[in-house]
Amino acid sequence: MTVKDLDTRFSEAVETALEMTQASLPQDVQLRLYAYYKQATFGTAVYNQSENFDLRNAFKTNAWIQISHISVEEAKEKYIEIINSLTTK
């Protein structure tokens, strides 16, 4: 049995997350998943305040900025950990 590489495990975790409903997850978990996903796929957040201020997007951006100091690899690992903890309950 071979150990799956990080990108494969991350892709599988994303697929699992897509099958979950937002209603089944607390909002703080949703925000953490969002932040780790964005960090893992786009890298460090760049704050860009637009004229169309949206409180929901402000929370999402804030969550991403809070973890922007971690690496892409660490963000993938954290995302996988959260998904695995949700699916083993």
C-alpha atoms as a PDB file:
ATOM      1  CA  MET A   1       0.000   0.000   0.000  1.00  0.00           C
ATOM      2  CA  THR A   2       1.429   3.371  -1.011  1.00  0.00           C
ATOM      3  CA  VAL A   3       0.997   6.636   0.795  1.00  0.00           C
ATOM      4  CA  LYS A   4      -1.044   9.086  -1.259  1.00  0.00           C
ATOM      5  CA  ASP A   5       0.603  12.367  -2.045  1.00  0.00           C
ATOM      6  CA  LEU A   6      -0.675  15.600  -0.552  1.00  0.00           C
ATOM      7  CA  ASP A   7      -2.366  16.860  -3.718  1.00  0.00           C
ATOM      8  CA  THR A   8      -4.300  13.617  -4.138  1.00  0.00           C
ATOM      9  CA  ARG A   9      -5.442  13.627  -0.512  1.00  0.00           C
ATOM     10  CA  PHE A  10      -6.424  17.298  -0.816  1.00  0.00           C
ATOM     11  CA  SER A  11      -8.439  16.630  -3.992  1.00  0.00           C
ATOM     12  CA  GLU A  12     -10.232  13.750  -2.282  1.00  0.00           C
ATOM     13  CA  ALA A  13     -11.019  15.959   0.735  1.00  0.00           C
ATOM     14  CA  VAL A  14     -12.427  18.646  -1.571  1.00  0.00           C
ATOM     15  CA  GLU A  15     -14.640  16.043  -3.261  1.00  0.00           C
ATOM     16  CA  THR A  16     -15.873  14.902   0.149  1.00  0.00           C
ATOM     17  CA  ALA A  17     -16.576  18.500   1.177  1.00  0.00           C
ATOM     18  CA  LEU A  18     -18.610  19.086  -1.973  1.00  0.00           C
ATOM     19  CA  GLU A  19     -20.961  16.313  -0.870  1.00  0.00           C
ATOM     20  CA  MET A  20     -21.619  18.019   2.481  1.00  0.00           C
ATOM     21  CA  THR A  21     -24.399  20.533   2.970  1.00  0.00           C
ATOM     22  CA  GLN A  22     -23.734  23.948   4.442  1.00  0.00           C
ATOM     23  CA  ALA A  23     -26.566  23.402   6.888  1.00  0.00           C
ATOM     24  CA  SER A  24     -24.716  20.413   8.348  1.00  0.00           C
ATOM     25  CA  LEU A  25     -21.630  22.470   9.229  1.00  0.00           C
ATOM     26  CA  PRO A  26     -21.288  25.189  11.861  1.00  0.00           C
ATOM     27  CA  GLN A  27     -20.399  28.571  10.388  1.00  0.00           C
ATOM     28  CA  ASP A  28     -16.993  28.678  12.076  1.00  0.00           C
ATOM     29  CA  VAL A  29     -16.094  25.367  10.433  1.00  0.00           C
ATOM     30  CA  GLN A  30     -17.317  26.653   7.072  1.00  0.00           C
ATOM     31  CA  LEU A  31     -15.095  29.722   7.442  1.00  0.00           C
ATOM     32  CA  ARG A  32     -12.051  27.653   8.392  1.00  0.00           C
ATOM     33  CA  LEU A  33     -12.589  25.320   5.446  1.00  0.00           C
ATOM     34  CA  TYR A  34     -12.987  28.310   3.134  1.00  0.00           C
ATOM     35  CA  ALA A  35      -9.818  29.957   4.437  1.00  0.00           C
ATOM     36  CA  TYR A  36      -7.685  26.808   4.180  1.00  0.00           C
ATOM     37  CA  TYR A  37      -9.064  26.053   0.710  1.00  0.00           C
ATOM     38  CA  LYS A  38      -8.275  29.572  -0.532  1.00  0.00           C
ATOM     39  CA  GLN A  39      -4.795  29.506   1.019  1.00  0.00           C
ATOM     40  CA  ALA A  40      -4.155  26.061  -0.480  1.00  0.00           C
ATOM     41  CA  THR A  41      -5.344  26.998  -3.963  1.00  0.00           C
ATOM     42  CA  PHE A  42      -4.516  30.722  -4.285  1.00  0.00           C
ATOM     43  CA  GLY A  43      -1.832  31.384  -1.680  1.00  0.00           C
ATOM     44  CA  THR A  44      -1.693  34.421   0.571  1.00  0.00           C
ATOM     45  CA  ALA A  45      -4.772  36.620   0.695  1.00  0.00           C
ATOM     46  CA  VAL A  46      -4.624  40.102  -0.734  1.00  0.00           C
ATOM     47  CA  TYR A  47      -7.069  42.486   0.873  1.00  0.00           C
ATOM     48  CA  ASN A  48      -9.031  44.445  -1.695  1.00  0.00           C
ATOM     49  CA  GLN A  49     -11.911  46.493  -0.323  1.00  0.00           C
ATOM     50  CA  SER A  50     -14.477  47.038  -3.006  1.00  0.00           C
ATOM     51  CA  GLU A  51     -17.304  49.538  -3.186  1.00  0.00           C
ATOM     52  CA  ASN A  52     -19.785  46.674  -2.828  1.00  0.00           C
ATOM     53  CA  PHE A  53     -19.193  45.909   0.840  1.00  0.00           C
ATOM     54  CA  ASP A  54     -20.681  42.551   1.734  1.00  0.00           C
ATOM     55  CA  LEU A  55     -20.534  41.393   5.350  1.00  0.00           C
ATOM     56  CA  ARG A  56     -20.445  37.716   4.356  1.00  0.00           C
ATOM     57  CA  ASN A  57     -17.439  38.268   2.088  1.00  0.00           C
ATOM     58  CA  ALA A  58     -15.770  40.350   4.797  1.00  0.00           C
ATOM     59  CA  PHE A  59     -15.962  37.377   7.196  1.00  0.00           C
ATOM     60  CA  LYS A  60     -14.584  35.062   4.517  1.00  0.00           C
ATOM     61  CA  THR A  61     -11.735  37.426   3.662  1.00  0.00           C
ATOM     62  CA  ASN A  62     -10.933  37.911   7.343  1.00  0.00           C
ATOM     63  CA  ALA A  63     -10.763  34.144   7.893  1.00  0.00           C
ATOM     64  CA  TRP A  64      -8.373  33.811   4.963  1.00  0.00           C
ATOM     65  CA  ILE A  65      -6.177  36.713   6.106  1.00  0.00           C
ATOM     66  CA  GLN A  66      -5.901  35.177   9.584  1.00  0.00           C
ATOM     67  CA  ILE A  67      -4.239  32.042   8.202  1.00  0.00           C
ATOM     68  CA  SER A  68      -2.301  33.702   5.369  1.00  0.00           C
ATOM     69  CA  HIS A  69       0.988  33.157   7.224  1.00  0.00           C
ATOM     70  CA  ILE A  70       0.895  29.380   6.655  1.00  0.00           C
ATOM     71  CA  SER A  71       2.215  27.591   3.589  1.00  0.00           C
ATOM     72  CA  VAL A  72       0.107  26.115   0.812  1.00  0.00           C
ATOM     73  CA  GLU A  73       1.105  22.632   1.973  1.00  0.00           C
ATOM     74  CA  GLU A  74       0.134  23.336   5.578  1.00  0.00           C
ATOM     75  CA  ALA A  75      -3.211  24.753   4.435  1.00  0.00           C
ATOM     76  CA  LYS A  76      -3.895  21.559   2.478  1.00  0.00           C
ATOM     77  CA  GLU A  77      -3.038  19.439   5.520  1.00  0.00           C
ATOM     78  CA  LYS A  78      -5.308  21.505   7.792  1.00  0.00           C
ATOM     79  CA  TYR A  79      -8.156  21.267   5.264  1.00  0.00           C
ATOM     80  CA  ILE A  80      -7.734  17.482   5.073  1.00  0.00           C
ATOM     81  CA  GLU A  81      -7.660  17.224   8.888  1.00  0.00           C
ATOM     82  CA  ILE A  82     -10.952  19.110   9.232  1.00  0.00           C
ATOM     83  CA  ILE A  83     -12.689  17.041   6.554  1.00  0.00           C
ATOM     84  CA  ASN A  84     -11.405  13.804   8.075  1.00  0.00           C
ATOM     85  CA  SER A  85     -12.600  14.859  11.540  1.00  0.00           C
ATOM     86  CA  LEU A  86     -16.057  15.618  10.143  1.00  0.00           C
ATOM     87  CA  THR A  87     -16.366  12.308   8.309  1.00  0.00           C
ATOM     88  CA  THR A  88     -15.212  10.116  11.194  1.00  0.00           C
ATOM     89  CA  LYS A  89     -17.903  11.348  13.595  1.00  0.00           C
END
